[in-house]
Amino acid sequence: MVIFGGGSPKSMLVYGLVTMAILAFSYFVIIKPITNSTNDTVNNAFKQANQIEKQANKSINQGLNQANKAEKQANKQLKSAGQ
């Protein structure tokens, strides 16, 4: 009895096709959904990181504006105190 593909070329072709069918099934049913899910998770993480970065930049700009206003006010007070 022949176990794996050693025999006629016809049986080797059938074994090869069956193997390819099993591999294709495994890819489309197991591997592809996992990679799609992983890609979605990574894309969502990047979107969240971009939103956080935008919020941080906005907060930094607000802080700088407040610091500039405070500096101008301090300079005005120094000028008026010096006169």
C-alpha atoms as a PDB file:
ATOM      1  CA  MET A   1       0.000   0.000   0.000  1.00  0.00           C
ATOM      2  CA  VAL A   2       1.301   3.399  -0.988  1.00  0.00           C
ATOM      3  CA  ILE A   3       1.106   6.000   1.786  1.00  0.00           C
ATOM      4  CA  PHE A   4       2.133   9.397   0.419  1.00  0.00           C
ATOM      5  CA  GLY A   5       2.440  10.061  -3.250  1.00  0.00           C
ATOM      6  CA  GLY A   6       4.751   7.252  -4.273  1.00  0.00           C
ATOM      7  CA  GLY A   7       3.010   5.504  -7.063  1.00  0.00           C
ATOM      8  CA  SER A   8       1.473   6.552 -10.270  1.00  0.00           C
ATOM      9  CA  PRO A   9       1.739  10.130 -11.445  1.00  0.00           C
ATOM     10  CA  LYS A  10      -2.040  10.316 -11.223  1.00  0.00           C
ATOM     11  CA  SER A  11      -2.056   9.536  -7.492  1.00  0.00           C
ATOM     12  CA  MET A  12       0.788  12.003  -6.893  1.00  0.00           C
ATOM     13  CA  LEU A  13      -1.274  14.696  -8.636  1.00  0.00           C
ATOM     14  CA  VAL A  14      -4.312  13.874  -6.474  1.00  0.00           C
ATOM     15  CA  TYR A  15      -2.203  14.019  -3.283  1.00  0.00           C
ATOM     16  CA  GLY A  16      -0.725  17.317  -4.411  1.00  0.00           C
ATOM     17  CA  LEU A  17      -4.146  18.815  -5.150  1.00  0.00           C
ATOM     18  CA  VAL A  18      -5.533  17.613  -1.825  1.00  0.00           C
ATOM     19  CA  THR A  19      -2.560  19.139  -0.012  1.00  0.00           C
ATOM     20  CA  MET A  20      -3.010  22.437  -1.841  1.00  0.00           C
ATOM     21  CA  ALA A  21      -6.736  22.432  -1.016  1.00  0.00           C
ATOM     22  CA  ILE A  22      -6.002  21.862   2.676  1.00  0.00           C
ATOM     23  CA  LEU A  23      -3.422  24.652   2.710  1.00  0.00           C
ATOM     24  CA  ALA A  24      -5.767  27.049   0.887  1.00  0.00           C
ATOM     25  CA  PHE A  25      -8.606  26.224   3.283  1.00  0.00           C
ATOM     26  CA  SER A  26      -6.328  26.763   6.275  1.00  0.00           C
ATOM     27  CA  TYR A  27      -5.185  30.114   4.901  1.00  0.00           C
ATOM     28  CA  PHE A  28      -8.660  31.486   4.166  1.00  0.00           C
ATOM     29  CA  VAL A  29     -10.320  30.130   7.306  1.00  0.00           C
ATOM     30  CA  ILE A  30      -7.573  30.558   9.921  1.00  0.00           C
ATOM     31  CA  ILE A  31      -4.689  32.795   8.847  1.00  0.00           C
ATOM     32  CA  LYS A  32      -6.439  35.498   6.779  1.00  0.00           C
ATOM     33  CA  PRO A  33      -9.039  36.414   9.456  1.00  0.00           C
ATOM     34  CA  ILE A  34      -6.316  36.653  12.089  1.00  0.00           C
ATOM     35  CA  THR A  35      -4.146  38.941   9.946  1.00  0.00           C
ATOM     36  CA  ASN A  36      -7.159  41.097   9.040  1.00  0.00           C
ATOM     37  CA  SER A  37      -8.050  41.448  12.703  1.00  0.00           C
ATOM     38  CA  THR A  38      -4.455  42.306  13.568  1.00  0.00           C
ATOM     39  CA  ASN A  39      -4.263  44.893  10.791  1.00  0.00           C
ATOM     40  CA  ASP A  40      -7.494  46.509  12.009  1.00  0.00           C
ATOM     41  CA  THR A  41      -6.144  46.647  15.559  1.00  0.00           C
ATOM     42  CA  VAL A  42      -2.882  48.238  14.430  1.00  0.00           C
ATOM     43  CA  ASN A  43      -4.710  50.795  12.264  1.00  0.00           C
ATOM     44  CA  ASN A  44      -6.976  51.727  15.176  1.00  0.00           C
ATOM     45  CA  ALA A  45      -3.953  52.116  17.432  1.00  0.00           C
ATOM     46  CA  PHE A  46      -2.312  54.461  14.917  1.00  0.00           C
ATOM     47  CA  LYS A  47      -5.506  56.528  14.644  1.00  0.00           C
ATOM     48  CA  GLN A  48      -5.724  56.823  18.428  1.00  0.00           C
ATOM     49  CA  ALA A  49      -2.054  57.771  18.652  1.00  0.00           C
ATOM     50  CA  ASN A  50      -2.573  60.489  16.023  1.00  0.00           C
ATOM     51  CA  GLN A  51      -5.552  61.865  17.940  1.00  0.00           C
ATOM     52  CA  ILE A  52      -3.566  61.912  21.170  1.00  0.00           C
ATOM     53  CA  GLU A  53      -0.674  63.628  19.397  1.00  0.00           C
ATOM     54  CA  LYS A  54      -3.024  66.311  18.028  1.00  0.00           C
ATOM     55  CA  GLN A  55      -4.505  66.876  21.483  1.00  0.00           C
ATOM     56  CA  ALA A  56      -1.027  67.114  23.004  1.00  0.00           C
ATOM     57  CA  ASN A  57       0.082  69.634  20.375  1.00  0.00           C
ATOM     58  CA  LYS A  58      -3.060  71.670  20.999  1.00  0.00           C
ATOM     59  CA  SER A  59      -2.389  71.656  24.755  1.00  0.00           C
ATOM     60  CA  ILE A  60       1.240  72.643  24.211  1.00  0.00           C
ATOM     61  CA  ASN A  61       0.200  75.534  21.964  1.00  0.00           C
ATOM     62  CA  GLN A  62      -2.341  76.714  24.531  1.00  0.00           C
ATOM     63  CA  GLY A  63       0.313  76.550  27.244  1.00  0.00           C
ATOM     64  CA  LEU A  64       2.758  78.521  25.117  1.00  0.00           C
ATOM     65  CA  ASN A  65       0.121  81.162  24.394  1.00  0.00           C
ATOM     66  CA  GLN A  66      -0.627  81.499  28.103  1.00  0.00           C
ATOM     67  CA  ALA A  67       3.090  81.727  28.879  1.00  0.00           C
ATOM     68  CA  ASN A  68       3.531  84.454  26.243  1.00  0.00           C
ATOM     69  CA  LYS A  69       0.616  86.421  27.683  1.00  0.00           C
ATOM     70  CA  ALA A  70       2.037  86.098  31.184  1.00  0.00           C
ATOM     71  CA  GLU A  71       5.448  87.227  29.957  1.00  0.00           C
ATOM     72  CA  LYS A  72       3.954  90.295  28.262  1.00  0.00           C
ATOM     73  CA  GLN A  73       2.014  91.156  31.394  1.00  0.00           C
ATOM     74  CA  ALA A  74       5.130  90.753  33.548  1.00  0.00           C
ATOM     75  CA  ASN A  75       7.109  92.966  31.188  1.00  0.00           C
ATOM     76  CA  LYS A  76       4.381  95.639  31.381  1.00  0.00           C
ATOM     77  CA  GLN A  77       4.468  95.484  35.165  1.00  0.00           C
ATOM     78  CA  LEU A  78       8.256  95.769  35.199  1.00  0.00           C
ATOM     79  CA  LYS A  79       8.138  98.794  32.893  1.00  0.00           C
ATOM     80  CA  SER A  80       5.489 100.497  34.992  1.00  0.00           C
ATOM     81  CA  ALA A  81       7.364  99.727  38.209  1.00  0.00           C
ATOM     82  CA  GLY A  82      10.568 101.189  36.754  1.00  0.00           C
ATOM     83  CA  GLN A  83       8.985 104.527  35.885  1.00  0.00           C
END
